[in-house]
Amino acid sequence: MRNINLRNEKGSTLIEFSLTILIFLIIFAAMVQLGYILLANNIVETASFEGARAGSITPEPVNAKAIASQAIDAYIVKVLPGWDSGRMTKDISITGYSPNDTITVRVYYDVPVMFGNALFPYNGGNFAVKGESTMTFTEKP
């Protein structure tokens, strides 16, 4: 009769390495995705600020919406020229055109997510970030 060695551990290192590297890659992918979402959030916040600032200091408040929209586009192209503008939406609202009236700029961007349909199936695999800024029209000299 032949003895069966139950303590033979050949191949166990390969299995342990496979499981460990899989967990490491998932954590690494999550860190990269989180960094991209935070970067997009920062850019959207700053773009809304730039749009509100440009709209609030314009000499002709009637054109404030167009000037704010141009400032948003100029900022985003300057910072990230490869961004997909089809994922970005802008909402600019003005309470009036005299001093002490406000301009509010909201910028939304859908960040594509790795494994997006598995994580965010209700939103088409995207994570939405929003930037909002409100400023008062300045009195012109």
Protein backbone atom coordinates (compact mmCIF):
# COMPACT_ATOMS: atom_id res chain seq x y z
CA MET A 1 0.00 0.00 0.00
CA ARG A 2 1.25 3.42 -0.86
CA ASN A 3 1.51 6.28 1.64
CA ILE A 4 -0.29 9.47 0.66
CA ASN A 5 1.54 12.59 1.80
CA LEU A 6 -1.13 15.06 2.94
CA ARG A 7 1.48 17.65 3.85
CA ASN A 8 2.64 18.28 0.30
CA GLU A 9 2.28 22.04 -0.28
CA LYS A 10 3.48 22.28 -3.85
CA GLY A 11 1.59 25.03 -5.66
CA SER A 12 0.23 26.70 -2.54
CA THR A 13 2.53 29.68 -3.02
CA LEU A 14 1.16 30.26 -6.51
CA ILE A 15 -2.43 30.20 -5.25
CA GLU A 16 -1.63 32.58 -2.38
CA PHE A 17 0.17 34.94 -4.78
CA SER A 18 -2.78 34.88 -7.21
CA LEU A 19 -5.27 35.79 -4.49
CA THR A 20 -3.01 38.48 -3.04
CA ILE A 21 -2.28 40.14 -6.39
CA LEU A 22 -5.98 40.16 -7.25
CA ILE A 23 -6.82 42.00 -4.04
CA PHE A 24 -3.90 44.39 -4.59
CA LEU A 25 -5.04 45.20 -8.14
CA ILE A 26 -8.60 45.88 -7.00
CA ILE A 27 -7.37 48.26 -4.29
CA PHE A 28 -5.00 49.96 -6.75
CA ALA A 29 -7.80 50.43 -9.33
CA ALA A 30 -10.06 51.88 -6.63
CA MET A 31 -7.35 54.37 -5.61
CA VAL A 32 -6.81 55.48 -9.22
CA GLN A 33 -10.55 55.89 -9.74
CA LEU A 34 -10.95 57.88 -6.53
CA GLY A 35 -8.08 60.15 -7.56
CA TYR A 36 -9.72 60.77 -10.94
CA ILE A 37 -13.06 61.59 -9.30
CA LEU A 38 -11.39 64.01 -6.87
CA LEU A 39 -9.50 65.67 -9.74
CA ALA A 40 -12.71 66.07 -11.73
CA ASN A 41 -14.47 67.50 -8.67
CA ASN A 42 -11.70 70.05 -8.16
CA ILE A 43 -11.75 71.10 -11.81
CA VAL A 44 -15.54 71.43 -11.88
CA GLU A 45 -15.53 73.53 -8.69
CA THR A 46 -12.86 75.84 -10.07
CA ALA A 47 -14.61 76.10 -13.46
CA SER A 48 -17.84 77.19 -11.77
CA PHE A 49 -15.88 79.78 -9.77
CA GLU A 50 -14.16 81.10 -12.92
CA GLY A 51 -17.50 81.35 -14.73
CA ALA A 52 -19.19 83.18 -11.85
CA ARG A 53 -16.26 85.55 -11.47
CA ALA A 54 -16.11 86.38 -15.18
CA GLY A 55 -19.87 86.91 -15.29
CA SER A 56 -19.93 89.12 -12.20
CA ILE A 57 -17.21 91.54 -13.31
CA THR A 58 -18.31 91.97 -16.92
CA PRO A 59 -18.90 95.57 -18.01
CA GLU A 60 -22.18 94.55 -19.73
CA PRO A 61 -24.23 92.38 -17.34
CA VAL A 62 -26.66 91.57 -20.17
CA ASN A 63 -23.94 89.37 -21.68
CA ALA A 64 -23.00 87.79 -18.34
CA LYS A 65 -24.33 84.32 -19.23
CA ALA A 66 -22.35 84.12 -22.46
CA ILE A 67 -19.19 85.46 -20.81
CA ALA A 68 -19.53 82.99 -17.90
CA SER A 69 -20.02 80.10 -20.32
CA GLN A 70 -16.95 81.14 -22.33
CA ALA A 71 -14.88 81.41 -19.13
CA ILE A 72 -15.89 77.88 -18.10
CA ASP A 73 -14.94 76.46 -21.49
CA ALA A 74 -11.65 78.37 -21.56
CA TYR A 75 -10.68 77.14 -18.09
CA ILE A 76 -11.46 73.49 -18.81
CA VAL A 77 -9.64 73.53 -22.16
CA LYS A 78 -6.64 75.16 -20.47
CA VAL A 79 -6.49 72.63 -17.64
CA LEU A 80 -7.51 69.41 -19.40
CA PRO A 81 -7.60 69.71 -23.19
CA GLY A 82 -8.74 66.12 -23.65
CA TRP A 83 -11.94 66.35 -21.62
CA ASP A 84 -15.13 65.18 -23.26
CA SER A 85 -17.37 68.24 -23.33
CA GLY A 86 -20.36 66.02 -24.06
CA ARG A 87 -20.21 64.84 -20.45
CA MET A 88 -20.30 68.39 -19.07
CA THR A 89 -23.39 70.53 -18.59
CA LYS A 90 -23.60 74.15 -17.44
CA ASP A 91 -26.46 75.92 -15.71
CA ILE A 92 -26.13 79.70 -15.34
CA SER A 93 -28.83 81.72 -13.59
CA ILE A 94 -28.97 85.45 -12.93
CA THR A 95 -31.31 87.26 -10.51
CA GLY A 96 -30.98 90.64 -12.26
CA TYR A 97 -28.55 92.94 -14.00
CA SER A 98 -27.95 95.65 -11.42
CA PRO A 99 -25.34 95.79 -8.64
CA ASN A 100 -26.09 93.47 -5.70
CA ASP A 101 -27.86 90.98 -7.97
CA THR A 102 -26.27 87.55 -8.18
CA ILE A 103 -25.06 85.15 -10.81
CA THR A 104 -25.05 81.44 -9.95
CA VAL A 105 -23.06 79.01 -12.04
CA ARG A 106 -23.46 75.25 -11.75
CA VAL A 107 -21.23 72.86 -13.68
CA TYR A 108 -21.92 69.12 -13.81
CA TYR A 109 -19.58 66.45 -15.16
CA ASP A 110 -20.18 62.71 -15.49
CA VAL A 111 -16.94 60.95 -14.60
CA PRO A 112 -16.57 57.61 -16.38
CA VAL A 113 -16.02 54.84 -13.85
CA MET A 114 -13.94 51.69 -14.29
CA PHE A 115 -16.32 48.77 -14.06
CA GLY A 116 -19.00 51.46 -14.15
CA ASN A 117 -22.00 49.39 -15.14
CA ALA A 118 -21.28 47.04 -12.24
CA LEU A 119 -20.88 49.87 -9.71
CA PHE A 120 -23.30 52.52 -11.07
CA PRO A 121 -25.78 50.73 -13.37
CA TYR A 122 -28.52 53.30 -12.72
CA ASN A 123 -26.35 56.16 -14.01
CA GLY A 124 -24.91 54.50 -17.11
CA GLY A 125 -21.63 53.68 -15.41
CA ASN A 126 -20.82 57.30 -14.52
CA PHE A 127 -20.27 59.20 -11.29
CA ALA A 128 -21.65 62.77 -11.36
CA VAL A 129 -19.66 65.61 -9.80
CA LYS A 130 -21.04 69.12 -9.37
CA GLY A 131 -19.52 72.53 -8.84
CA GLU A 132 -21.53 75.57 -7.82
CA SER A 133 -20.52 79.17 -7.28
CA THR A 134 -22.55 82.33 -6.60
CA MET A 135 -21.22 85.87 -6.88
CA THR A 136 -22.64 89.37 -6.72
CA PHE A 137 -22.41 91.77 -9.65
CA THR A 138 -19.92 94.50 -8.92
CA GLU A 139 -20.68 98.14 -9.44
CA LYS A 140 -18.77 99.46 -12.42
CA PRO A 141 -16.90 102.78 -12.13
